[in-house]
Amino acid sequence: MKIREIFRQNLRYYRKKCGLTQEALSERIGLNPKYITNIEAQSKFPSAETIDAIAEALNIKSSQLFVEQGCPVNVVQFDKDIFMESLVAGISSELKAEVVKYFDKIF
């Protein structure tokens, strides 16, 4: 796989992992709202400074955007950490609601 395609796939993966739209990431790095769209659509390739800004916005090292081994071709892959965080958050809010109901009945 060519380096630009590896970059694009990794960019898409990490952007989605952070829960950002293309426009939101563009705004976060202070560029035109369609900039990330153009990169992912293969019509543009960013400068080194922009790559560093993208990595910082995604809270990753710039080099992670170029790693082919394990390059996430399919962004729908299972991510245990994200799943566990959302599960715990859901359980916590449900548990809190149940505790509130319980105390409302008692008092």
C-alpha atoms as a PDB file:
ATOM      1  CA  MET A   1       0.000   0.000   0.000  1.00  0.00           C
ATOM      2  CA  LYS A   2       1.290   3.475  -0.835  1.00  0.00           C
ATOM      3  CA  ILE A   3       2.172   5.942   1.927  1.00  0.00           C
ATOM      4  CA  ARG A   4      -0.546   8.436   1.037  1.00  0.00           C
ATOM      5  CA  GLU A   5      -3.248   5.760   1.207  1.00  0.00           C
ATOM      6  CA  ILE A   6      -1.897   4.523   4.549  1.00  0.00           C
ATOM      7  CA  PHE A   7      -2.038   8.115   5.811  1.00  0.00           C
ATOM      8  CA  ARG A   8      -5.616   8.621   4.591  1.00  0.00           C
ATOM      9  CA  GLN A   9      -6.872   5.386   6.130  1.00  0.00           C
ATOM     10  CA  ASN A  10      -5.175   6.096   9.442  1.00  0.00           C
ATOM     11  CA  LEU A  11      -6.463   9.680   9.436  1.00  0.00           C
ATOM     12  CA  ARG A  12     -10.023   8.462   8.854  1.00  0.00           C
ATOM     13  CA  TYR A  13      -9.679   5.803  11.559  1.00  0.00           C
ATOM     14  CA  TYR A  14      -8.263   8.088  14.272  1.00  0.00           C
ATOM     15  CA  ARG A  15     -10.659  10.911  13.384  1.00  0.00           C
ATOM     16  CA  LYS A  16     -13.651   8.611  13.784  1.00  0.00           C
ATOM     17  CA  LYS A  17     -12.168   7.078  16.921  1.00  0.00           C
ATOM     18  CA  CYS A  18     -12.132  10.605  18.395  1.00  0.00           C
ATOM     19  CA  GLY A  19     -15.742  11.084  17.320  1.00  0.00           C
ATOM     20  CA  LEU A  20     -14.918  13.984  15.001  1.00  0.00           C
ATOM     21  CA  THR A  21     -16.445  14.834  11.654  1.00  0.00           C
ATOM     22  CA  GLN A  22     -14.160  15.957   8.842  1.00  0.00           C
ATOM     23  CA  GLU A  23     -15.394  19.512   9.295  1.00  0.00           C
ATOM     24  CA  ALA A  24     -14.872  19.437  13.083  1.00  0.00           C
ATOM     25  CA  LEU A  25     -11.279  18.261  12.688  1.00  0.00           C
ATOM     26  CA  SER A  26     -10.622  20.956  10.058  1.00  0.00           C
ATOM     27  CA  GLU A  27     -11.961  23.612  12.414  1.00  0.00           C
ATOM     28  CA  ARG A  28      -9.954  22.193  15.335  1.00  0.00           C
ATOM     29  CA  ILE A  29      -6.709  22.708  13.379  1.00  0.00           C
ATOM     30  CA  GLY A  30      -7.815  26.104  12.081  1.00  0.00           C
ATOM     31  CA  LEU A  31      -8.206  25.290   8.388  1.00  0.00           C
ATOM     32  CA  ASN A  32     -10.984  25.448   5.818  1.00  0.00           C
ATOM     33  CA  PRO A  33     -13.899  23.242   6.946  1.00  0.00           C
ATOM     34  CA  LYS A  34     -13.549  21.065   3.834  1.00  0.00           C
ATOM     35  CA  TYR A  35      -9.793  20.523   4.198  1.00  0.00           C
ATOM     36  CA  ILE A  36      -9.949  17.067   5.810  1.00  0.00           C
ATOM     37  CA  THR A  37     -12.627  16.077   3.315  1.00  0.00           C
ATOM     38  CA  ASN A  38     -10.205  16.912   0.504  1.00  0.00           C
ATOM     39  CA  ILE A  39      -7.382  14.939   2.122  1.00  0.00           C
ATOM     40  CA  GLU A  40      -9.543  11.864   2.661  1.00  0.00           C
ATOM     41  CA  ALA A  41     -10.880  12.173  -0.899  1.00  0.00           C
ATOM     42  CA  GLN A  42      -7.280  12.030  -2.203  1.00  0.00           C
ATOM     43  CA  SER A  43      -7.328  15.470  -3.798  1.00  0.00           C
ATOM     44  CA  LYS A  44      -4.883  17.047  -1.321  1.00  0.00           C
ATOM     45  CA  PHE A  45      -1.963  15.978   0.866  1.00  0.00           C
ATOM     46  CA  PRO A  46      -1.011  18.055   3.907  1.00  0.00           C
ATOM     47  CA  SER A  47       2.286  19.701   4.740  1.00  0.00           C
ATOM     48  CA  ALA A  48       4.436  18.409   7.601  1.00  0.00           C
ATOM     49  CA  GLU A  49       3.183  21.243   9.825  1.00  0.00           C
ATOM     50  CA  THR A  50      -0.423  20.339   9.091  1.00  0.00           C
ATOM     51  CA  ILE A  51       0.267  16.649   9.752  1.00  0.00           C
ATOM     52  CA  ASP A  52       1.657  17.624  13.169  1.00  0.00           C
ATOM     53  CA  ALA A  53      -1.432  19.782  13.865  1.00  0.00           C
ATOM     54  CA  ILE A  54      -3.749  16.919  12.838  1.00  0.00           C
ATOM     55  CA  ALA A  55      -1.912  14.472  15.088  1.00  0.00           C
ATOM     56  CA  GLU A  56      -2.053  16.898  18.005  1.00  0.00           C
ATOM     57  CA  ALA A  57      -5.799  17.421  17.473  1.00  0.00           C
ATOM     58  CA  LEU A  58      -6.288  13.637  17.442  1.00  0.00           C
ATOM     59  CA  ASN A  59      -4.054  13.214  20.509  1.00  0.00           C
ATOM     60  CA  ILE A  60      -1.679  10.828  18.720  1.00  0.00           C
ATOM     61  CA  LYS A  61       1.921  10.926  17.496  1.00  0.00           C
ATOM     62  CA  SER A  62       2.369  12.114  13.909  1.00  0.00           C
ATOM     63  CA  SER A  63       4.158   8.868  13.082  1.00  0.00           C
ATOM     64  CA  GLN A  64       1.007   6.882  13.889  1.00  0.00           C
ATOM     65  CA  LEU A  65      -0.587   8.315  10.767  1.00  0.00           C
ATOM     66  CA  PHE A  66       1.995   6.508   8.628  1.00  0.00           C
ATOM     67  CA  VAL A  67       2.128   3.042  10.218  1.00  0.00           C
ATOM     68  CA  GLU A  68       1.100   0.399   7.697  1.00  0.00           C
ATOM     69  CA  GLN A  69       1.169  -2.595  10.017  1.00  0.00           C
ATOM     70  CA  GLY A  70      -2.308  -2.810  11.407  1.00  0.00           C
ATOM     71  CA  CYS A  71      -3.483   0.017   9.168  1.00  0.00           C
ATOM     72  CA  PRO A  72      -7.222   0.105   9.877  1.00  0.00           C
ATOM     73  CA  VAL A  73      -8.718  -0.514   6.448  1.00  0.00           C
ATOM     74  CA  ASN A  74     -12.097  -1.146   8.041  1.00  0.00           C
ATOM     75  CA  VAL A  75     -13.004   1.543  10.575  1.00  0.00           C
ATOM     76  CA  VAL A  76     -15.836  -0.629  11.885  1.00  0.00           C
ATOM     77  CA  GLN A  77     -13.341  -2.837  13.723  1.00  0.00           C
ATOM     78  CA  PHE A  78     -13.999  -3.533  17.382  1.00  0.00           C
ATOM     79  CA  ASP A  79     -12.329  -1.170  19.826  1.00  0.00           C
ATOM     80  CA  LYS A  80     -12.489  -2.592  23.344  1.00  0.00           C
ATOM     81  CA  ASP A  81     -11.604   0.625  25.170  1.00  0.00           C
ATOM     82  CA  ILE A  82     -14.293   2.709  23.470  1.00  0.00           C
ATOM     83  CA  PHE A  83     -16.863  -0.060  23.969  1.00  0.00           C
ATOM     84  CA  MET A  84     -16.015  -0.419  27.664  1.00  0.00           C
ATOM     85  CA  GLU A  85     -16.175   3.345  28.280  1.00  0.00           C
ATOM     86  CA  SER A  86     -19.596   3.645  26.650  1.00  0.00           C
ATOM     87  CA  LEU A  87     -20.871   0.570  28.490  1.00  0.00           C
ATOM     88  CA  VAL A  88     -19.689   1.848  31.868  1.00  0.00           C
ATOM     89  CA  ALA A  89     -21.157   5.296  31.170  1.00  0.00           C
ATOM     90  CA  GLY A  90     -24.511   3.721  30.278  1.00  0.00           C
ATOM     91  CA  ILE A  91     -24.525   1.513  33.342  1.00  0.00           C
ATOM     92  CA  SER A  92     -23.530   4.417  35.566  1.00  0.00           C
ATOM     93  CA  SER A  93     -26.385   6.633  34.381  1.00  0.00           C
ATOM     94  CA  GLU A  94     -28.908   3.785  34.659  1.00  0.00           C
ATOM     95  CA  LEU A  95     -27.643   2.879  38.125  1.00  0.00           C
ATOM     96  CA  LYS A  96     -27.830   6.498  39.223  1.00  0.00           C
ATOM     97  CA  ALA A  97     -31.445   6.708  38.020  1.00  0.00           C
ATOM     98  CA  GLU A  98     -32.328   3.538  39.922  1.00  0.00           C
ATOM     99  CA  VAL A  99     -30.694   4.802  43.110  1.00  0.00           C
ATOM    100  CA  VAL A 100     -32.619   8.080  42.828  1.00  0.00           C
ATOM    101  CA  LYS A 101     -35.895   6.153  42.356  1.00  0.00           C
ATOM    102  CA  TYR A 102     -35.097   3.965  45.350  1.00  0.00           C
ATOM    103  CA  PHE A 103     -34.402   6.914  47.638  1.00  0.00           C
ATOM    104  CA  ASP A 104     -37.461   8.764  46.372  1.00  0.00           C
ATOM    105  CA  LYS A 105     -39.588   5.786  47.458  1.00  0.00           C
ATOM    106  CA  ILE A 106     -37.945   5.566  50.873  1.00  0.00           C
ATOM    107  CA  PHE A 107     -38.006   9.245  51.771  1.00  0.00           C
END
